[in-house]
Amino acid sequence: MRRRSRGWSRSILILCVGFGSALASRDARAIDDRPTIVSDAFYVGARGEPGWALSMGWDLDIYPTSDRAVSLGPGLSVMVLSSDPPTPRTPEIAVAVDCVRAKIGLNSPGGLFRPFLLVGGGFQWTRFLQRIEAPVGGRDEAFTGLFTVGAGADVWSRGKFGVTTLLLTRIRAFGTDRVPTASFEWSVGFRFGL
């Protein structure tokens, strides 16, 4: 009888330990289900210089390591509705493309909060409100090279969704003086990933 009760006790103990470890591993996976491969974000914000303008953007983060310590990818911003009075420098629309952005995390990687610094490079296409160089009936347009620096932060939920913010400085590397030497952009948005 004692052997039988010991056998039952051991079986129940083994069953409880097995069930508990299965629950623990399931909970661990549920706690950290954040993206480890790729994520993209959609932003809305404002650009300053010249004047203020509505800015809408998108970027893609590709994570070489699953802890999101570093990410690489392109970025895009479209700026419209400038508040600057019409001058030869006032853009009607501007599209800035960072062909590559590198984001480097500033804290312990893999957590819910990911502050980062970023650097990038690309170009900007601008169509101006006032015509001074284009033929009759045309519009002035310009391509300029850009260097982008900035900072931001991602705040992740426990899943594939997060909130993100960016503060960028775009520096004209070459091109027409009608595009400012530096412009500033602040945006906030939502990030989704795999």
Protein backbone atom coordinates (compact mmCIF):
# COMPACT_ATOMS: atom_id res chain seq x y z
CA MET A 1 0.00 0.00 0.00
CA ARG A 2 2.82 2.39 0.87
CA ARG A 3 4.59 1.58 -2.42
CA ARG A 4 1.42 2.29 -4.32
CA SER A 5 0.90 5.67 -2.55
CA ARG A 6 4.54 6.60 -3.17
CA GLY A 7 4.11 5.70 -6.84
CA TRP A 8 1.00 7.89 -7.07
CA SER A 9 2.79 10.73 -5.25
CA ARG A 10 5.73 10.56 -7.65
CA SER A 11 3.44 10.43 -10.67
CA ILE A 12 1.47 13.45 -9.47
CA LEU A 13 4.71 15.34 -8.68
CA ILE A 14 6.16 14.55 -12.12
CA LEU A 15 2.88 15.55 -13.77
CA CYS A 16 2.75 18.85 -11.83
CA VAL A 17 6.39 19.70 -12.61
CA GLY A 18 5.89 18.88 -16.30
CA PHE A 19 2.66 20.90 -16.48
CA GLY A 20 4.26 23.83 -14.62
CA SER A 21 7.30 23.94 -16.91
CA ALA A 22 5.04 23.79 -19.99
CA LEU A 23 3.02 26.74 -18.66
CA ALA A 24 6.19 28.68 -17.83
CA SER A 25 7.61 28.22 -21.31
CA ARG A 26 4.26 29.22 -22.86
CA ASP A 27 4.11 32.34 -20.66
CA ALA A 28 7.70 33.23 -21.57
CA ARG A 29 6.82 33.10 -25.25
CA ALA A 30 3.67 35.19 -24.66
CA ILE A 31 5.62 37.82 -22.70
CA ASP A 32 8.13 38.48 -25.50
CA ASP A 33 6.38 38.19 -28.82
CA ARG A 34 7.91 41.41 -30.18
CA PRO A 35 9.34 41.56 -33.73
CA THR A 36 12.75 39.99 -34.24
CA ILE A 37 13.07 40.04 -38.05
CA VAL A 38 11.53 43.19 -39.52
CA SER A 39 9.14 46.03 -38.66
CA ASP A 40 7.78 49.07 -40.44
CA ALA A 41 6.28 52.30 -39.17
CA PHE A 42 3.92 54.96 -40.48
CA TYR A 43 4.44 58.50 -39.16
CA VAL A 44 2.70 61.85 -39.07
CA GLY A 45 4.44 65.01 -37.94
CA ALA A 46 5.82 68.42 -38.86
CA ARG A 47 8.82 69.71 -40.76
CA GLY A 48 10.43 73.06 -40.00
CA GLU A 49 12.49 75.25 -42.37
CA PRO A 50 11.38 76.88 -44.49
CA GLY A 51 8.22 77.49 -42.48
CA TRP A 52 6.22 74.56 -41.11
CA ALA A 53 4.77 71.77 -43.19
CA LEU A 54 2.79 68.60 -42.66
CA SER A 55 5.05 65.56 -42.82
CA MET A 56 3.96 61.96 -43.44
CA GLY A 57 6.48 59.16 -43.44
CA TRP A 58 7.28 55.47 -43.51
CA ASP A 59 10.35 53.46 -42.62
CA LEU A 60 11.41 49.84 -42.56
CA ASP A 61 13.66 48.30 -39.91
CA ILE A 62 15.45 45.06 -40.73
CA TYR A 63 17.01 43.51 -37.61
CA PRO A 64 20.30 41.61 -38.19
CA THR A 65 19.98 40.24 -34.63
CA SER A 66 16.78 39.24 -32.85
CA ASP A 67 17.33 41.65 -29.91
CA ARG A 68 16.72 44.74 -32.13
CA ALA A 69 20.02 46.33 -30.99
CA VAL A 70 20.70 47.52 -34.57
CA SER A 71 18.44 47.95 -37.57
CA LEU A 72 18.96 48.87 -41.21
CA GLY A 73 16.44 49.93 -43.82
CA PRO A 74 15.01 52.69 -46.00
CA GLY A 75 12.89 55.66 -44.96
CA LEU A 76 10.55 58.03 -46.80
CA SER A 77 8.94 61.36 -45.89
CA VAL A 78 6.48 63.49 -47.87
CA MET A 79 6.13 67.15 -46.84
CA VAL A 80 3.18 69.29 -48.00
CA LEU A 81 1.15 72.38 -46.98
CA SER A 82 4.03 74.70 -46.11
CA SER A 83 3.13 77.66 -43.91
CA ASP A 84 5.98 79.72 -45.38
CA PRO A 85 4.83 82.69 -47.50
CA PRO A 86 5.48 82.11 -51.21
CA THR A 87 9.13 82.75 -52.06
CA PRO A 88 11.52 81.09 -54.52
CA ARG A 89 12.50 78.68 -51.68
CA THR A 90 8.97 77.66 -50.61
CA PRO A 91 8.26 74.03 -51.52
CA GLU A 92 4.88 72.96 -52.83
CA ILE A 93 5.80 69.35 -52.12
CA ALA A 94 9.02 67.65 -51.04
CA VAL A 95 9.80 63.94 -50.95
CA ALA A 96 12.84 62.87 -48.92
CA VAL A 97 14.16 59.32 -49.34
CA ASP A 98 16.79 57.79 -47.10
CA CYS A 99 18.05 54.85 -49.17
CA VAL A 100 19.62 53.42 -46.01
CA ARG A 101 19.07 54.30 -42.36
CA ALA A 102 21.05 52.69 -39.58
CA LYS A 103 19.51 52.79 -36.09
CA ILE A 104 21.64 51.92 -33.08
CA GLY A 105 19.89 51.16 -29.79
CA LEU A 106 21.05 53.10 -26.72
CA ASN A 107 19.95 50.79 -23.91
CA SER A 108 20.01 47.11 -23.09
CA PRO A 109 18.64 45.42 -26.24
CA GLY A 110 15.50 43.35 -26.47
CA GLY A 111 13.24 45.27 -24.07
CA LEU A 112 9.94 47.10 -24.39
CA PHE A 113 11.65 50.52 -24.68
CA ARG A 114 14.19 51.07 -27.44
CA PRO A 115 15.75 54.56 -27.67
CA PHE A 116 18.08 54.90 -30.66
CA LEU A 117 20.32 57.18 -32.70
CA LEU A 118 20.10 57.07 -36.48
CA VAL A 119 22.15 58.07 -39.49
CA GLY A 120 21.10 57.84 -43.11
CA GLY A 121 21.69 59.05 -46.61
CA GLY A 122 19.66 59.59 -49.72
CA PHE A 123 18.05 62.34 -51.76
CA GLN A 124 15.17 64.82 -51.82
CA TRP A 125 12.94 65.82 -54.71
CA THR A 126 11.31 69.24 -54.31
CA ARG A 127 8.74 71.07 -56.43
CA PHE A 128 8.63 74.79 -55.66
CA LEU A 129 5.61 77.10 -55.49
CA GLN A 130 7.24 79.87 -57.53
CA ARG A 131 8.73 79.35 -60.95
CA ILE A 132 12.07 81.04 -61.67
CA GLU A 133 14.02 78.44 -63.69
CA ALA A 134 11.45 76.29 -65.52
CA PRO A 135 10.14 77.00 -69.04
CA VAL A 136 6.80 78.75 -69.45
CA GLY A 137 4.00 76.62 -68.04
CA GLY A 138 6.44 74.36 -66.19
CA ARG A 139 7.31 74.06 -62.54
CA ASP A 140 10.68 74.32 -60.88
CA GLU A 141 11.87 71.00 -59.47
CA ALA A 142 15.15 70.01 -57.86
CA PHE A 143 16.97 66.88 -56.70
CA THR A 144 19.39 67.28 -53.82
CA GLY A 145 21.57 64.86 -51.90
CA LEU A 146 20.76 64.42 -48.21
CA PHE A 147 22.52 63.28 -45.09
CA THR A 148 20.15 62.48 -42.19
CA VAL A 149 20.93 62.31 -38.46
CA GLY A 150 18.49 61.96 -35.60
CA ALA A 151 17.20 60.20 -32.55
CA GLY A 152 14.02 58.43 -31.60
CA ALA A 153 12.42 55.71 -29.55
CA ASP A 154 10.22 52.67 -30.04
CA VAL A 155 7.90 51.62 -27.21
CA TRP A 156 6.71 48.07 -27.84
CA SER A 157 3.68 46.28 -26.55
CA ARG A 158 4.22 42.64 -25.61
CA GLY A 159 3.28 41.73 -29.17
CA LYS A 160 3.97 42.88 -32.72
CA PHE A 161 2.75 46.47 -32.22
CA GLY A 162 4.50 49.59 -30.89
CA VAL A 163 4.50 53.39 -30.82
CA THR A 164 7.49 55.25 -32.24
CA THR A 165 8.77 58.81 -32.46
CA LEU A 166 11.56 60.43 -34.50
CA LEU A 167 13.41 63.74 -34.43
CA LEU A 168 15.42 64.14 -37.65
CA THR A 169 17.80 66.72 -39.06
CA ARG A 170 18.17 66.58 -42.83
CA ILE A 171 21.35 68.20 -44.14
CA ARG A 172 21.69 69.09 -47.82
CA ALA A 173 24.89 67.46 -49.10
CA PHE A 174 24.71 68.96 -52.60
CA GLY A 175 22.21 70.59 -54.92
CA THR A 176 20.43 73.90 -55.31
CA ASP A 177 20.51 76.59 -52.62
CA ARG A 178 16.73 76.84 -52.93
CA VAL A 179 16.60 73.80 -50.62
CA PRO A 180 17.62 74.78 -47.05
CA THR A 181 21.03 73.65 -45.78
CA ALA A 182 19.27 71.95 -42.86
CA SER A 183 15.64 71.15 -42.06
CA PHE A 184 14.13 69.52 -39.00
CA GLU A 185 11.35 67.00 -38.74
CA TRP A 186 9.49 65.57 -35.75
CA SER A 187 7.08 62.67 -36.20
CA VAL A 188 5.14 60.14 -34.18
CA GLY A 189 3.64 56.91 -35.47
CA PHE A 190 2.84 53.24 -35.11
CA ARG A 191 5.20 50.32 -35.74
CA PHE A 192 4.22 46.78 -36.74
CA GLY A 193 6.49 43.81 -37.32
CA LEU A 194 7.36 40.14 -37.58
